[in-house]
Amino acid sequence: MNKKKHPRFLVPNYGARKRKRVQYRWRAQRGIDSKKRVKKKESGASPSIGYKNSDAVRYARSDGTFEALVHNETELRDLISAGERKTVVFAHDLSSRKRVMLQKIAEQSNVKVANGV
């Protein structure tokens, strides 16, 4: 099962010459005269509940697996013993020594690591 595609949700007047520094991001429009807030068709798509994916594929990575955040060795071992097909993501505050150690454990048990060494 694949995720649904959706258009880019841009701020209004994205292509205008004066707005070259406007980034690709979404903020709900609050202006009283905003055509985007009133949902005029020519102003582009806005996020709505209809773009939501089914529960089976929500938060899934492009390879079909889900992420599991790992902080230490016991969390990694529990994940391996559970037998679930998940992609491991190391926490940002792990030291490089601990990352190398956890990477070796993951390689031995054929677990994919998203942000490995």
Protein backbone atom coordinates (compact mmCIF):
# COMPACT_ATOMS: atom_id res chain seq x y z
CA MET A 1 0.00 0.00 0.00
CA ASN A 2 1.36 3.40 -0.99
CA LYS A 3 0.97 6.79 0.56
CA LYS A 4 -1.27 9.37 -1.11
CA LYS A 5 0.33 12.18 -3.04
CA HIS A 6 -0.55 15.75 -2.18
CA PRO A 7 0.34 19.13 -3.65
CA ARG A 8 2.82 21.50 -2.09
CA PHE A 9 1.07 23.72 0.40
CA LEU A 10 2.58 27.14 -0.20
CA VAL A 11 2.01 30.52 1.34
CA PRO A 12 -0.04 32.84 -0.90
CA ASN A 13 1.69 34.93 -3.58
CA TYR A 14 4.60 32.50 -3.54
CA GLY A 15 5.59 33.20 -7.14
CA ALA A 16 5.41 36.99 -6.89
CA ARG A 17 8.58 38.91 -7.69
CA LYS A 18 8.58 40.67 -4.32
CA ARG A 19 8.43 37.38 -2.42
CA LYS A 20 11.60 35.64 -3.55
CA ARG A 21 12.60 34.75 0.00
CA VAL A 22 9.31 33.05 0.90
CA GLN A 23 10.15 29.47 1.84
CA TYR A 24 8.32 26.22 1.11
CA ARG A 25 6.30 25.90 4.30
CA TRP A 26 2.75 26.10 5.48
CA ARG A 27 1.25 28.55 7.93
CA ALA A 28 -2.50 28.92 8.20
CA GLN A 29 -3.67 32.18 6.70
CA ARG A 30 -5.08 34.69 9.16
CA GLY A 31 -5.59 37.84 7.10
CA ILE A 32 -9.11 39.25 6.83
CA ASP A 33 -8.79 39.69 3.05
CA SER A 34 -6.79 36.52 2.37
CA LYS A 35 -8.06 34.59 -0.64
CA LYS A 36 -6.22 31.53 0.60
CA ARG A 37 -8.12 31.60 3.90
CA VAL A 38 -11.45 31.85 2.08
CA LYS A 39 -10.29 28.85 -0.05
CA LYS A 40 -10.55 30.42 -3.48
CA LYS A 41 -9.66 27.83 -6.11
CA GLU A 42 -7.01 29.96 -7.84
CA SER A 43 -5.02 30.46 -4.62
CA GLY A 44 -3.86 26.83 -4.45
CA ALA A 45 -4.42 23.89 -2.15
CA SER A 46 -4.60 24.12 1.62
CA PRO A 47 -4.06 21.23 4.05
CA SER A 48 -7.26 19.46 5.03
CA ILE A 49 -8.35 16.15 6.50
CA GLY A 50 -8.85 14.68 3.02
CA TYR A 51 -5.09 14.48 2.44
CA LYS A 52 -4.60 12.23 5.47
CA ASN A 53 -3.18 8.74 4.84
CA SER A 54 -4.66 5.54 6.24
CA ASP A 55 -3.39 4.28 9.58
CA ALA A 56 -1.55 1.41 7.89
CA VAL A 57 0.84 3.74 6.07
CA ARG A 58 0.94 6.85 8.25
CA TYR A 59 4.44 7.68 9.51
CA ALA A 60 5.89 4.92 7.30
CA ARG A 61 9.20 5.52 5.55
CA SER A 62 9.51 5.26 1.79
CA ASP A 63 10.78 1.68 2.07
CA GLY A 64 7.63 0.67 3.98
CA THR A 65 9.16 0.34 7.44
CA PHE A 66 8.48 2.41 10.54
CA GLU A 67 11.08 4.20 12.65
CA ALA A 68 12.02 3.28 16.20
CA LEU A 69 14.04 5.72 18.28
CA VAL A 70 16.90 4.07 20.20
CA HIS A 71 18.73 5.65 23.13
CA ASN A 72 20.72 2.71 24.51
CA GLU A 73 21.68 -0.92 24.02
CA THR A 74 18.74 -2.39 25.93
CA GLU A 75 16.24 -0.57 23.71
CA LEU A 76 18.00 -1.91 20.63
CA ARG A 77 18.07 -5.47 22.00
CA ASP A 78 14.36 -5.28 22.90
CA LEU A 79 13.57 -4.12 19.39
CA ILE A 80 15.57 -6.98 17.88
CA SER A 81 13.98 -9.59 20.14
CA ALA A 82 10.47 -8.31 19.33
CA GLY A 83 11.07 -9.28 15.71
CA GLU A 84 9.24 -6.27 14.27
CA ARG A 85 10.53 -4.96 10.96
CA LYS A 86 11.50 -1.42 11.92
CA THR A 87 14.22 1.00 10.95
CA VAL A 88 16.36 2.11 13.86
CA VAL A 89 17.05 5.80 14.41
CA PHE A 90 19.73 6.67 16.95
CA ALA A 91 18.93 9.49 19.37
CA HIS A 92 20.72 12.75 18.70
CA ASP A 93 22.52 12.84 22.03
CA LEU A 94 24.39 9.53 21.65
CA SER A 95 28.17 9.70 21.78
CA SER A 96 30.16 8.55 18.76
CA ARG A 97 31.58 5.61 20.74
CA LYS A 98 28.10 4.38 21.65
CA ARG A 99 26.89 4.90 18.06
CA VAL A 100 29.66 2.65 16.75
CA MET A 101 28.83 -0.01 19.33
CA LEU A 102 25.09 0.07 18.53
CA GLN A 103 25.83 0.08 14.80
CA LYS A 104 27.79 -3.17 15.16
CA ILE A 105 24.94 -4.82 17.08
CA ALA A 106 22.46 -3.70 14.43
CA GLU A 107 24.61 -5.02 11.57
CA GLN A 108 24.97 -8.42 13.24
CA SER A 109 21.20 -8.76 13.56
CA ASN A 110 20.40 -7.33 10.07
CA VAL A 111 18.55 -4.28 11.39
CA LYS A 112 18.57 -1.21 9.15
CA VAL A 113 19.86 2.02 10.71
CA ALA A 114 18.72 5.34 9.24
CA ASN A 115 21.36 7.63 10.76
CA GLY A 116 24.25 5.24 11.34
CA VAL A 117 27.96 5.97 11.45
